C-alpha atoms as a PDB file:
ATOM      1  CA  UNK A   1     -14.631  -0.996 -32.352  1.00  0.00           C
ATOM      2  CA  UNK A   2     -15.516   2.639 -32.475  1.00  0.00           C
ATOM      3  CA  UNK A   3     -14.770   5.576 -30.208  1.00  0.00           C
ATOM      4  CA  UNK A   4     -16.152   9.024 -29.902  1.00  0.00           C
ATOM      5  CA  UNK A   5     -14.945  12.020 -27.661  1.00  0.00           C
ATOM      6  CA  UNK A   6     -17.249  13.792 -25.170  1.00  0.00           C
ATOM      7  CA  UNK A   7     -16.322  17.128 -23.820  1.00  0.00           C
ATOM      8  CA  UNK A   8     -17.648  17.012 -20.287  1.00  0.00           C
ATOM      9  CA  UNK A   9     -17.570  19.156 -17.202  1.00  0.00           C
ATOM     10  CA  UNK A  10     -14.721  16.794 -15.940  1.00  0.00           C
ATOM     11  CA  UNK A  11     -12.628  16.744 -19.001  1.00  0.00           C
ATOM     12  CA  UNK A  12     -12.614  15.013 -22.312  1.00  0.00           C
ATOM     13  CA  UNK A  13     -13.939  11.471 -22.148  1.00  0.00           C
ATOM     14  CA  UNK A  14     -13.350   8.853 -24.624  1.00  0.00           C
ATOM     15  CA  UNK A  15     -16.336   6.478 -25.163  1.00  0.00           C
ATOM     16  CA  UNK A  16     -15.515   3.099 -26.691  1.00  0.00           C
ATOM     17  CA  UNK A  17     -18.040   0.699 -28.233  1.00  0.00           C
ATOM     18  CA  UNK A  18     -18.292  -2.354 -30.232  1.00  0.00           C
ATOM     19  CA  UNK A  19     -21.369  -1.109 -31.996  1.00  0.00           C
ATOM     20  CA  UNK A  20     -23.549  -3.243 -29.762  1.00  0.00           C
ATOM     21  CA  UNK A  21     -22.255  -2.360 -26.174  1.00  0.00           C
ATOM     22  CA  UNK A  22     -20.523   0.472 -24.444  1.00  0.00           C
ATOM     23  CA  UNK A  23     -17.151  -1.047 -23.459  1.00  0.00           C
ATOM     24  CA  UNK A  24     -15.024   1.781 -21.857  1.00  0.00           C
ATOM     25  CA  UNK A  25     -15.195   5.382 -20.607  1.00  0.00           C
ATOM     26  CA  UNK A  26     -11.723   6.843 -20.570  1.00  0.00           C
ATOM     27  CA  UNK A  27     -10.489   9.967 -18.965  1.00  0.00           C
ATOM     28  CA  UNK A  28      -8.252  12.373 -20.816  1.00  0.00           C
ATOM     29  CA  UNK A  29      -4.765  11.414 -20.509  1.00  0.00           C
ATOM     30  CA  UNK A  30      -5.701   7.763 -19.797  1.00  0.00           C
ATOM     31  CA  UNK A  31      -6.745   6.688 -23.098  1.00  0.00           C
ATOM     32  CA  UNK A  32      -5.743   3.213 -23.878  1.00  0.00           C
ATOM     33  CA  UNK A  33      -3.647   2.571 -26.933  1.00  0.00           C
ATOM     34  CA  UNK A  34      -5.723   0.321 -29.110  1.00  0.00           C
ATOM     35  CA  UNK A  35      -5.147  -0.113 -32.975  1.00  0.00           C
ATOM     36  CA  UNK A  36      -8.436  -1.934 -33.223  1.00  0.00           C
ATOM     37  CA  UNK A  37     -10.656   1.182 -32.709  1.00  0.00           C
ATOM     38  CA  UNK A  38     -11.507   4.121 -35.000  1.00  0.00           C
ATOM     39  CA  UNK A  39     -13.093   7.406 -34.268  1.00  0.00           C
ATOM     40  CA  UNK A  40     -16.671   6.777 -35.514  1.00  0.00           C
ATOM     41  CA  UNK A  41     -19.971   7.505 -33.970  1.00  0.00           C
ATOM     42  CA  UNK A  42     -22.436   4.506 -33.831  1.00  0.00           C
ATOM     43  CA  UNK A  43     -25.833   4.125 -32.003  1.00  0.00           C
ATOM     44  CA  UNK A  44     -24.407   3.055 -28.811  1.00  0.00           C
ATOM     45  CA  UNK A  45     -22.005   5.996 -28.699  1.00  0.00           C
ATOM     46  CA  UNK A  46     -24.816   8.329 -29.489  1.00  0.00           C
ATOM     47  CA  UNK A  47     -27.017   7.129 -26.869  1.00  0.00           C
ATOM     48  CA  UNK A  48     -24.143   7.169 -24.403  1.00  0.00           C
ATOM     49  CA  UNK A  49     -23.134  10.740 -25.359  1.00  0.00           C
ATOM     50  CA  UNK A  50     -26.824  11.770 -25.061  1.00  0.00           C
ATOM     51  CA  UNK A  51     -27.315  10.052 -21.585  1.00  0.00           C
ATOM     52  CA  UNK A  52     -24.000  11.274 -20.016  1.00  0.00           C
ATOM     53  CA  UNK A  53     -24.876  14.890 -21.079  1.00  0.00           C
ATOM     54  CA  UNK A  54     -28.229  14.485 -19.494  1.00  0.00           C
ATOM     55  CA  UNK A  55     -26.567  13.358 -16.351  1.00  0.00           C
ATOM     56  CA  UNK A  56     -24.150  16.190 -16.317  1.00  0.00           C
ATOM     57  CA  UNK A  57     -27.200  18.623 -16.820  1.00  0.00           C
ATOM     58  CA  UNK A  58     -28.894  16.826 -13.793  1.00  0.00           C
ATOM     59  CA  UNK A  59     -31.784  15.503 -16.054  1.00  0.00           C
ATOM     60  CA  UNK A  60     -30.785  11.872 -15.705  1.00  0.00           C
ATOM     61  CA  UNK A  61     -30.094   9.721 -12.607  1.00  0.00           C
ATOM     62  CA  UNK A  62     -30.178   6.315 -14.289  1.00  0.00           C
ATOM     63  CA  UNK A  63     -28.447   5.167 -17.388  1.00  0.00           C
ATOM     64  CA  UNK A  64     -30.284   2.810 -19.919  1.00  0.00           C
ATOM     65  CA  UNK A  65     -27.246   1.592 -22.011  1.00  0.00           C
ATOM     66  CA  UNK A  66     -26.033  -1.743 -23.080  1.00  0.00           C
ATOM     67  CA  UNK A  67     -22.755  -2.459 -21.193  1.00  0.00           C
ATOM     68  CA  UNK A  68     -20.090  -4.693 -22.184  1.00  0.00           C
ATOM     69  CA  UNK A  69     -17.465  -4.396 -19.407  1.00  0.00           C
ATOM     70  CA  UNK A  70     -15.065  -7.302 -19.427  1.00  0.00           C
ATOM     71  CA  UNK A  71     -13.504  -8.656 -16.250  1.00  0.00           C
ATOM     72  CA  UNK A  72     -13.263 -11.604 -13.959  1.00  0.00           C
ATOM     73  CA  UNK A  73     -16.335 -13.024 -12.071  1.00  0.00           C
ATOM     74  CA  UNK A  74     -15.097 -11.216  -8.873  1.00  0.00           C
ATOM     75  CA  UNK A  75     -14.843  -7.821 -10.836  1.00  0.00           C
ATOM     76  CA  UNK A  76     -18.278  -8.434 -12.475  1.00  0.00           C
ATOM     77  CA  UNK A  77     -19.807  -8.916  -8.957  1.00  0.00           C
ATOM     78  CA  UNK A  78     -18.171  -5.759  -7.702  1.00  0.00           C
ATOM     79  CA  UNK A  79     -19.205  -3.686 -10.556  1.00  0.00           C
ATOM     80  CA  UNK A  80     -22.845  -5.183 -10.399  1.00  0.00           C
ATOM     81  CA  UNK A  81     -22.850  -3.882  -6.748  1.00  0.00           C
ATOM     82  CA  UNK A  82     -21.633  -0.548  -7.822  1.00  0.00           C
ATOM     83  CA  UNK A  83     -24.400  -0.225 -10.312  1.00  0.00           C
ATOM     84  CA  UNK A  84     -26.941  -0.839  -7.687  1.00  0.00           C
ATOM     85  CA  UNK A  85     -25.772   2.188  -5.656  1.00  0.00           C
ATOM     86  CA  UNK A  86     -28.650   4.805  -5.903  1.00  0.00           C
ATOM     87  CA  UNK A  87     -27.982   8.230  -7.298  1.00  0.00           C
ATOM     88  CA  UNK A  88     -26.678  10.596  -4.637  1.00  0.00           C
ATOM     89  CA  UNK A  89     -25.913   7.811  -2.178  1.00  0.00           C
ATOM     90  CA  UNK A  90     -22.516   6.684  -0.899  1.00  0.00           C
ATOM     91  CA  UNK A  91     -21.021   3.329  -0.058  1.00  0.00           C
ATOM     92  CA  UNK A  92     -17.831   2.147   1.479  1.00  0.00           C
ATOM     93  CA  UNK A  93     -15.527  -0.541   0.245  1.00  0.00           C
ATOM     94  CA  UNK A  94     -16.632  -2.499   3.262  1.00  0.00           C
ATOM     95  CA  UNK A  95     -20.217  -2.112   2.224  1.00  0.00           C
ATOM     96  CA  UNK A  96     -19.600  -3.444  -1.147  1.00  0.00           C
ATOM     97  CA  UNK A  97     -17.699  -6.433   0.152  1.00  0.00           C
ATOM     98  CA  UNK A  98     -20.609  -7.141   2.214  1.00  0.00           C
ATOM     99  CA  UNK A  99     -23.046  -6.629  -0.494  1.00  0.00           C
ATOM    100  CA  UNK A 100     -21.194  -9.316  -2.602  1.00  0.00           C
ATOM    101  CA  UNK A 101     -21.092 -11.839   0.226  1.00  0.00           C
ATOM    102  CA  UNK A 102     -17.349 -11.580   0.874  1.00  0.00           C
ATOM    103  CA  UNK A 103     -16.784  -9.190   3.854  1.00  0.00           C
ATOM    104  CA  UNK A 104     -13.117 -10.092   4.135  1.00  0.00           C
ATOM    105  CA  UNK A 105     -12.474  -8.915   0.491  1.00  0.00           C
ATOM    106  CA  UNK A 106     -12.426  -5.093   1.154  1.00  0.00           C
ATOM    107  CA  UNK A 107      -8.993  -4.549  -0.488  1.00  0.00           C
ATOM    108  CA  UNK A 108      -9.951  -6.683  -3.497  1.00  0.00           C
ATOM    109  CA  UNK A 109     -13.151  -4.745  -3.787  1.00  0.00           C
ATOM    110  CA  UNK A 110     -10.886  -1.590  -3.905  1.00  0.00           C
ATOM    111  CA  UNK A 111      -8.961  -3.109  -6.755  1.00  0.00           C
ATOM    112  CA  UNK A 112     -11.887  -4.040  -8.817  1.00  0.00           C
ATOM    113  CA  UNK A 113     -13.528  -0.787  -8.281  1.00  0.00           C
ATOM    114  CA  UNK A 114     -10.254   0.754  -9.535  1.00  0.00           C
ATOM    115  CA  UNK A 115     -10.401  -1.321 -12.705  1.00  0.00           C
ATOM    116  CA  UNK A 116     -13.884  -0.373 -13.628  1.00  0.00           C
ATOM    117  CA  UNK A 117     -13.984   0.301 -17.198  1.00  0.00           C
ATOM    118  CA  UNK A 118     -17.202   2.286 -17.119  1.00  0.00           C
ATOM    119  CA  UNK A 119     -16.772   5.022 -14.634  1.00  0.00           C
ATOM    120  CA  UNK A 120     -19.898   7.289 -14.121  1.00  0.00           C
ATOM    121  CA  UNK A 121     -22.244   4.898 -15.732  1.00  0.00           C
ATOM    122  CA  UNK A 122     -21.196   2.340 -13.326  1.00  0.00           C
ATOM    123  CA  UNK A 123     -20.794   4.715 -10.433  1.00  0.00           C
ATOM    124  CA  UNK A 124     -17.490   3.883  -8.768  1.00  0.00           C
ATOM    125  CA  UNK A 125     -17.229   7.411  -7.726  1.00  0.00           C
ATOM    126  CA  UNK A 126     -20.046   6.775  -5.179  1.00  0.00           C
ATOM    127  CA  UNK A 127     -17.458   4.497  -3.110  1.00  0.00           C
ATOM    128  CA  UNK A 128     -15.642   6.174  -0.449  1.00  0.00           C
ATOM    129  CA  UNK A 129     -13.446   5.085   2.574  1.00  0.00           C
ATOM    130  CA  UNK A 130     -14.956   3.650   5.702  1.00  0.00           C
ATOM    131  CA  UNK A 131     -13.833   6.529   7.685  1.00  0.00           C
ATOM    132  CA  UNK A 132     -15.732   8.926   5.347  1.00  0.00           C
ATOM    133  CA  UNK A 133     -12.933  10.262   3.234  1.00  0.00           C
ATOM    134  CA  UNK A 134     -12.863  10.465  -0.461  1.00  0.00           C
ATOM    135  CA  UNK A 135     -10.616   7.813  -1.831  1.00  0.00           C
ATOM    136  CA  UNK A 136      -8.959   7.304  -5.357  1.00  0.00           C
ATOM    137  CA  UNK A 137     -10.835   7.702  -8.691  1.00  0.00           C
ATOM    138  CA  UNK A 138      -9.341   7.287 -12.218  1.00  0.00           C
ATOM    139  CA  UNK A 139     -10.658  10.709 -13.117  1.00  0.00           C
ATOM    140  CA  UNK A 140      -8.928  12.272 -10.153  1.00  0.00           C
ATOM    141  CA  UNK A 141     -10.407  13.487  -6.817  1.00  0.00           C
ATOM    142  CA  UNK A 142     -11.443  16.762  -8.283  1.00  0.00           C
ATOM    143  CA  UNK A 143     -13.637  14.890 -10.803  1.00  0.00           C
ATOM    144  CA  UNK A 144     -14.903  12.544  -8.003  1.00  0.00           C
ATOM    145  CA  UNK A 145     -15.709  15.622  -5.898  1.00  0.00           C
ATOM    146  CA  UNK A 146     -17.581  17.211  -8.891  1.00  0.00           C
ATOM    147  CA  UNK A 147     -19.707  14.066  -9.526  1.00  0.00           C
ATOM    148  CA  UNK A 148     -20.735  13.729  -5.789  1.00  0.00           C
ATOM    149  CA  UNK A 149     -21.591  17.378  -5.501  1.00  0.00           C
ATOM    150  CA  UNK A 150     -23.686  17.148  -8.910  1.00  0.00           C
ATOM    151  CA  UNK A 151     -25.554  14.209  -7.214  1.00  0.00           C
ATOM    152  CA  UNK A 152     -25.944  16.052  -3.885  1.00  0.00           C
ATOM    153  CA  UNK A 153     -24.008  13.307  -2.108  1.00  0.00           C
ATOM    154  CA  UNK A 154     -21.319  15.329  -0.299  1.00  0.00           C
ATOM    155  CA  UNK A 155     -21.602  16.852   3.140  1.00  0.00           C
ATOM    156  CA  UNK A 156     -19.037  19.000   4.647  1.00  0.00           C
ATOM    157  CA  UNK A 157     -17.425  16.126   6.478  1.00  0.00           C
ATOM    158  CA  UNK A 158     -16.616  14.394   3.204  1.00  0.00           C
ATOM    159  CA  UNK A 159     -14.616  17.003   1.401  1.00  0.00           C
ATOM    160  CA  UNK A 160     -11.258  15.839   2.714  1.00  0.00           C
ATOM    161  CA  UNK A 161      -9.350  13.559   0.227  1.00  0.00           C
ATOM    162  CA  UNK A 162      -8.028  10.538   1.970  1.00  0.00           C
ATOM    163  CA  UNK A 163      -6.515   7.152   1.286  1.00  0.00           C
END
Protein backbone atom coordinates (compact mmCIF):
# COMPACT_ATOMS: atom_id res chain seq x y z
CA UNK A 1 0.00 0.00 0.00
CA UNK A 2 1.08 3.55 -0.71
CA UNK A 3 0.52 6.94 0.81
CA UNK A 4 1.02 10.53 -0.17
CA UNK A 5 0.67 13.74 1.78
CA UNK A 6 -1.53 16.57 0.55
CA UNK A 7 -1.12 20.07 1.93
CA UNK A 8 -4.72 21.30 1.98
CA UNK A 9 -6.55 24.36 3.34
CA UNK A 10 -7.66 22.21 6.30
CA UNK A 11 -4.22 20.80 7.11
CA UNK A 12 -1.93 18.10 5.83
CA UNK A 13 -3.95 15.08 4.74
CA UNK A 14 -2.49 11.63 4.23
CA UNK A 15 -4.05 9.73 1.33
CA UNK A 16 -3.68 5.94 1.40
CA UNK A 17 -4.17 3.65 -1.58
CA UNK A 18 -3.64 0.03 -2.48
CA UNK A 19 -2.69 1.10 -6.01
CA UNK A 20 -6.18 0.28 -7.28
CA UNK A 21 -8.49 2.11 -4.83
CA UNK A 22 -8.33 5.03 -2.43
CA UNK A 23 -8.61 3.46 1.04
CA UNK A 24 -8.28 6.31 3.54
CA UNK A 25 -7.96 10.04 3.93
CA UNK A 26 -6.39 10.83 7.29
CA UNK A 27 -6.17 14.18 9.04
CA UNK A 28 -2.89 15.50 10.44
CA UNK A 29 -2.31 14.13 13.91
CA UNK A 30 -4.60 11.17 13.23
CA UNK A 31 -2.46 9.15 10.83
CA UNK A 32 -2.90 5.44 11.49
CA UNK A 33 0.24 3.50 12.32
CA UNK A 34 0.66 1.02 9.51
CA UNK A 35 3.92 -0.77 8.73
CA UNK A 36 2.49 -2.08 5.46
CA UNK A 37 2.40 1.29 3.69
CA UNK A 38 5.15 3.35 2.14
CA UNK A 39 5.34 6.91 0.90
CA UNK A 40 4.99 6.40 -2.82
CA UNK A 41 2.74 7.99 -5.42
CA UNK A 42 0.58 5.81 -7.64
CA UNK A 43 -2.13 6.61 -10.21
CA UNK A 44 -4.91 6.50 -7.61
CA UNK A 45 -3.08 8.88 -5.29
CA UNK A 46 -2.24 11.23 -8.16
CA UNK A 47 -5.89 11.34 -9.26
CA UNK A 48 -7.06 11.76 -5.67
CA UNK A 49 -4.68 14.66 -5.09
CA UNK A 50 -5.73 16.34 -8.32
CA UNK A 51 -9.45 15.99 -7.60
CA UNK A 52 -9.13 17.14 -3.99
CA UNK A 53 -7.17 20.23 -5.07
CA UNK A 54 -9.88 20.96 -7.67
CA UNK A 55 -12.49 20.61 -4.92
CA UNK A 56 -10.63 23.02 -2.62
CA UNK A 57 -10.35 25.47 -5.55
CA UNK A 58 -14.14 25.20 -6.11
CA UNK A 59 -13.64 23.59 -9.51
CA UNK A 60 -15.02 20.16 -8.54
CA UNK A 61 -18.27 19.15 -6.87
CA UNK A 62 -18.20 15.38 -7.52
CA UNK A 63 -15.35 12.94 -7.11
CA UNK A 64 -14.66 10.24 -9.65
CA UNK A 65 -12.27 7.96 -7.83
CA UNK A 66 -12.12 4.22 -7.21
CA UNK A 67 -12.94 3.84 -3.51
CA UNK A 68 -12.09 0.91 -1.28
CA UNK A 69 -13.51 1.78 2.14
CA UNK A 70 -13.72 -1.31 4.32
CA UNK A 71 -16.54 -1.64 6.83
CA UNK A 72 -19.56 -3.60 7.93
CA UNK A 73 -22.66 -3.89 5.78
CA UNK A 74 -24.34 -1.25 7.95
CA UNK A 75 -21.37 1.14 7.67
CA UNK A 76 -21.31 0.63 3.90
CA UNK A 77 -25.01 1.53 3.69
CA UNK A 78 -24.41 4.72 5.70
CA UNK A 79 -21.37 5.67 3.61
CA UNK A 80 -23.37 5.08 0.43
CA UNK A 81 -26.08 7.43 1.74
CA UNK A 82 -23.42 10.02 2.60
CA UNK A 83 -22.00 9.80 -0.91
CA UNK A 84 -25.45 10.65 -2.28
CA UNK A 85 -25.71 13.98 -0.39
CA UNK A 86 -25.40 16.67 -3.08
CA UNK A 87 -22.66 19.26 -2.95
CA UNK A 88 -23.70 22.23 -0.84
CA UNK A 89 -26.57 20.42 0.88
CA UNK A 90 -26.92 19.21 4.44
CA UNK A 91 -28.57 16.19 6.04
CA UNK A 92 -29.13 15.16 9.64
CA UNK A 93 -28.25 11.82 11.19
CA UNK A 94 -32.00 11.19 11.31
CA UNK A 95 -32.25 11.87 7.55
CA UNK A 96 -29.51 9.32 6.87
CA UNK A 97 -31.17 6.73 9.15
CA UNK A 98 -34.40 7.16 7.20
CA UNK A 99 -32.58 7.01 3.87
CA UNK A 100 -31.08 3.62 4.73
CA UNK A 101 -34.47 2.33 5.88
CA UNK A 102 -33.63 2.15 9.58
CA UNK A 103 -35.13 5.28 11.21
CA UNK A 104 -34.39 4.04 14.74
CA UNK A 105 -30.65 3.79 14.05
CA UNK A 106 -29.79 7.48 14.47
CA UNK A 107 -26.98 6.84 16.98
CA UNK A 108 -25.58 3.95 14.93
CA UNK A 109 -25.61 6.22 11.87
CA UNK A 110 -23.62 8.76 13.89
CA UNK A 111 -21.08 6.08 14.82
CA UNK A 112 -20.75 4.89 11.21
CA UNK A 113 -20.44 8.50 10.06
CA UNK A 114 -17.60 8.97 12.54
CA UNK A 115 -15.79 5.91 11.18
CA UNK A 116 -15.92 7.07 7.55
CA UNK A 117 -12.39 6.40 6.26
CA UNK A 118 -12.82 8.73 3.26
CA UNK A 119 -13.88 12.12 4.60
CA UNK A 120 -14.44 14.87 2.04
CA UNK A 121 -14.75 12.37 -0.83
CA UNK A 122 -17.54 10.59 1.07
CA UNK A 123 -18.96 13.81 2.49
CA UNK A 124 -19.62 13.10 6.15
CA UNK A 125 -19.03 16.82 6.78
CA UNK A 126 -22.47 17.45 5.22
CA UNK A 127 -24.19 15.79 8.18
CA UNK A 128 -25.38 18.01 11.02
CA UNK A 129 -27.46 17.56 14.15
CA UNK A 130 -31.24 17.40 13.80
CA UNK A 131 -31.43 20.72 15.66
CA UNK A 132 -29.29 22.39 12.99
CA UNK A 133 -26.02 22.48 14.93
CA UNK A 134 -22.64 21.41 13.67
CA UNK A 135 -21.57 18.13 15.20
CA UNK A 136 -18.28 16.27 15.44
CA UNK A 137 -15.94 15.77 12.53
CA UNK A 138 -12.66 13.86 12.51
CA UNK A 139 -10.84 16.90 11.15
CA UNK A 140 -12.39 19.15 13.81
CA UNK A 141 -15.26 21.62 13.69
CA UNK A 142 -13.09 24.34 12.14
CA UNK A 143 -12.36 22.06 9.18
CA UNK A 144 -16.04 21.08 8.93
CA UNK A 145 -17.05 24.75 8.97
CA UNK A 146 -14.47 25.51 6.28
CA UNK A 147 -15.76 22.70 4.03
CA UNK A 148 -19.39 23.72 4.45
CA UNK A 149 -18.54 27.37 3.77
CA UNK A 150 -16.54 26.30 0.72
CA UNK A 151 -19.66 24.54 -0.57
CA UNK A 152 -21.96 27.43 0.36
CA UNK A 153 -23.94 25.19 2.71
CA UNK A 154 -23.80 27.32 5.87
CA UNK A 155 -26.31 29.90 6.91
CA UNK A 156 -25.94 32.06 10.02
CA UNK A 157 -28.04 29.63 12.08
CA UNK A 158 -25.60 26.75 11.50
CA UNK A 159 -22.44 28.39 12.76
CA UNK A 160 -22.80 27.23 16.37
CA UNK A 161 -21.01 24.00 17.24
CA UNK A 162 -23.23 21.53 19.06
CA UNK A 163 -23.39 17.91 20.05
